[in-house]
């Protein structure tokens, strides 16, 4: 089973999750919410 953490806001939270074996994460530490158009620009 893969684990996804939501709401990661600090580097300390990220490190705790990495050390705990969390597979994926999302939150303001990485990016604010973006529209579909903004997301496409990030990928190009």
N, C-alpha and C. Protein backbone atom coordinates (compact mmCIF):
# COMPACT_ATOMS: atom_id res chain seq x y z
N UNK A 1 0.84 -1.16 0.00
CA UNK A 1 0.00 0.00 0.00
C UNK A 1 0.89 1.24 0.00
N UNK A 2 0.60 2.18 -0.88
CA UNK A 2 1.32 3.44 -0.94
C UNK A 2 0.68 4.45 0.00
N UNK A 3 1.50 5.30 0.62
CA UNK A 3 1.02 6.29 1.57
C UNK A 3 1.27 7.69 1.01
N UNK A 4 0.23 8.54 1.08
CA UNK A 4 0.32 9.94 0.65
C UNK A 4 0.01 10.83 1.84
N UNK A 5 0.92 11.74 2.17
CA UNK A 5 0.70 12.69 3.27
C UNK A 5 0.22 14.01 2.69
N UNK A 6 -0.79 14.59 3.31
CA UNK A 6 -1.31 15.89 2.88
C UNK A 6 -0.96 16.95 3.91
N UNK A 7 -0.88 18.19 3.46
CA UNK A 7 -0.70 19.31 4.38
C UNK A 7 0.70 19.50 4.91
N UNK A 8 1.70 19.08 4.16
CA UNK A 8 3.09 19.26 4.59
C UNK A 8 3.45 20.73 4.45
N UNK A 9 3.84 21.35 5.56
CA UNK A 9 4.14 22.78 5.55
C UNK A 9 5.56 23.12 5.97
N UNK A 10 6.25 22.19 6.62
CA UNK A 10 7.60 22.49 7.10
C UNK A 10 8.58 21.41 6.67
N UNK A 11 9.85 21.79 6.65
CA UNK A 11 10.92 20.84 6.33
C UNK A 11 10.96 19.72 7.37
N UNK A 12 10.68 20.06 8.62
CA UNK A 12 10.69 19.05 9.69
C UNK A 12 9.60 18.00 9.45
N UNK A 13 8.42 18.44 9.03
CA UNK A 13 7.35 17.48 8.71
C UNK A 13 7.78 16.58 7.56
N UNK A 14 8.38 17.18 6.54
CA UNK A 14 8.84 16.40 5.39
C UNK A 14 9.84 15.34 5.82
N UNK A 15 10.83 15.73 6.64
CA UNK A 15 11.84 14.77 7.09
C UNK A 15 11.24 13.65 7.92
N UNK A 16 10.30 13.98 8.80
CA UNK A 16 9.63 12.97 9.61
C UNK A 16 8.93 11.95 8.71
N UNK A 17 8.24 12.43 7.70
CA UNK A 17 7.52 11.54 6.79
C UNK A 17 8.48 10.68 5.96
N UNK A 18 9.57 11.27 5.49
CA UNK A 18 10.58 10.51 4.75
C UNK A 18 11.15 9.41 5.64
N UNK A 19 11.51 9.77 6.87
CA UNK A 19 12.08 8.80 7.81
C UNK A 19 11.09 7.71 8.20
N UNK A 20 9.80 8.02 8.08
CA UNK A 20 8.75 7.05 8.42
C UNK A 20 8.35 6.18 7.24
N UNK A 21 8.96 6.43 6.07
CA UNK A 21 8.68 5.61 4.90
C UNK A 21 7.49 6.06 4.06
N UNK A 22 7.07 7.30 4.24
CA UNK A 22 5.95 7.82 3.44
C UNK A 22 6.37 7.88 1.97
N UNK A 23 5.48 7.46 1.08
CA UNK A 23 5.80 7.38 -0.34
C UNK A 23 5.65 8.71 -1.09
N UNK A 24 4.62 9.48 -0.77
CA UNK A 24 4.33 10.71 -1.49
C UNK A 24 3.83 11.77 -0.51
N UNK A 25 3.96 13.03 -0.89
CA UNK A 25 3.45 14.10 -0.05
C UNK A 25 3.08 15.32 -0.85
N UNK A 26 2.21 16.11 -0.27
CA UNK A 26 1.82 17.37 -0.89
C UNK A 26 1.55 18.39 0.20
N UNK A 27 1.65 19.64 -0.17
CA UNK A 27 1.37 20.71 0.79
C UNK A 27 2.05 22.00 0.38
N UNK A 28 1.82 23.04 1.19
CA UNK A 28 2.35 24.36 0.88
C UNK A 28 3.87 24.40 0.86
N UNK A 29 4.54 23.45 1.48
CA UNK A 29 6.01 23.41 1.41
C UNK A 29 6.46 23.30 -0.04
N UNK A 30 5.70 22.60 -0.86
CA UNK A 30 6.08 22.34 -2.24
C UNK A 30 5.44 23.33 -3.21
N UNK A 31 4.18 23.69 -3.00
CA UNK A 31 3.48 24.60 -3.90
C UNK A 31 2.15 25.01 -3.31
N UNK A 32 1.74 26.23 -3.60
CA UNK A 32 0.39 26.65 -3.28
C UNK A 32 -0.56 25.97 -4.27
N UNK A 33 -1.85 25.93 -4.00
CA UNK A 33 -2.78 25.36 -4.98
C UNK A 33 -2.71 26.15 -6.29
N UNK A 34 -2.74 25.43 -7.41
CA UNK A 34 -2.68 26.08 -8.72
C UNK A 34 -3.83 25.58 -9.59
N UNK A 35 -4.21 26.42 -10.55
CA UNK A 35 -5.26 26.04 -11.50
C UNK A 35 -4.70 25.01 -12.49
N UNK A 36 -5.58 24.40 -13.25
CA UNK A 36 -5.16 23.43 -14.26
C UNK A 36 -4.21 24.08 -15.27
N UNK A 37 -4.50 25.32 -15.64
CA UNK A 37 -3.65 26.03 -16.60
C UNK A 37 -2.26 26.27 -16.03
N UNK A 38 -2.20 26.69 -14.76
CA UNK A 38 -0.91 26.91 -14.11
C UNK A 38 -0.14 25.60 -13.98
N UNK A 39 -0.84 24.51 -13.69
CA UNK A 39 -0.20 23.21 -13.56
C UNK A 39 0.42 22.79 -14.89
N UNK A 40 -0.28 23.00 -15.99
CA UNK A 40 0.27 22.66 -17.30
C UNK A 40 1.55 23.45 -17.57
N UNK A 41 1.58 24.73 -17.17
CA UNK A 41 2.78 25.54 -17.36
C UNK A 41 3.95 24.99 -16.54
N UNK A 42 3.66 24.51 -15.33
CA UNK A 42 4.71 23.94 -14.49
C UNK A 42 5.33 22.70 -15.12
N UNK A 43 4.52 21.94 -15.86
CA UNK A 43 5.00 20.71 -16.48
C UNK A 43 5.80 20.96 -17.75
N UNK A 44 5.62 22.12 -18.37
CA UNK A 44 6.32 22.38 -19.64
C UNK A 44 7.63 23.09 -19.44
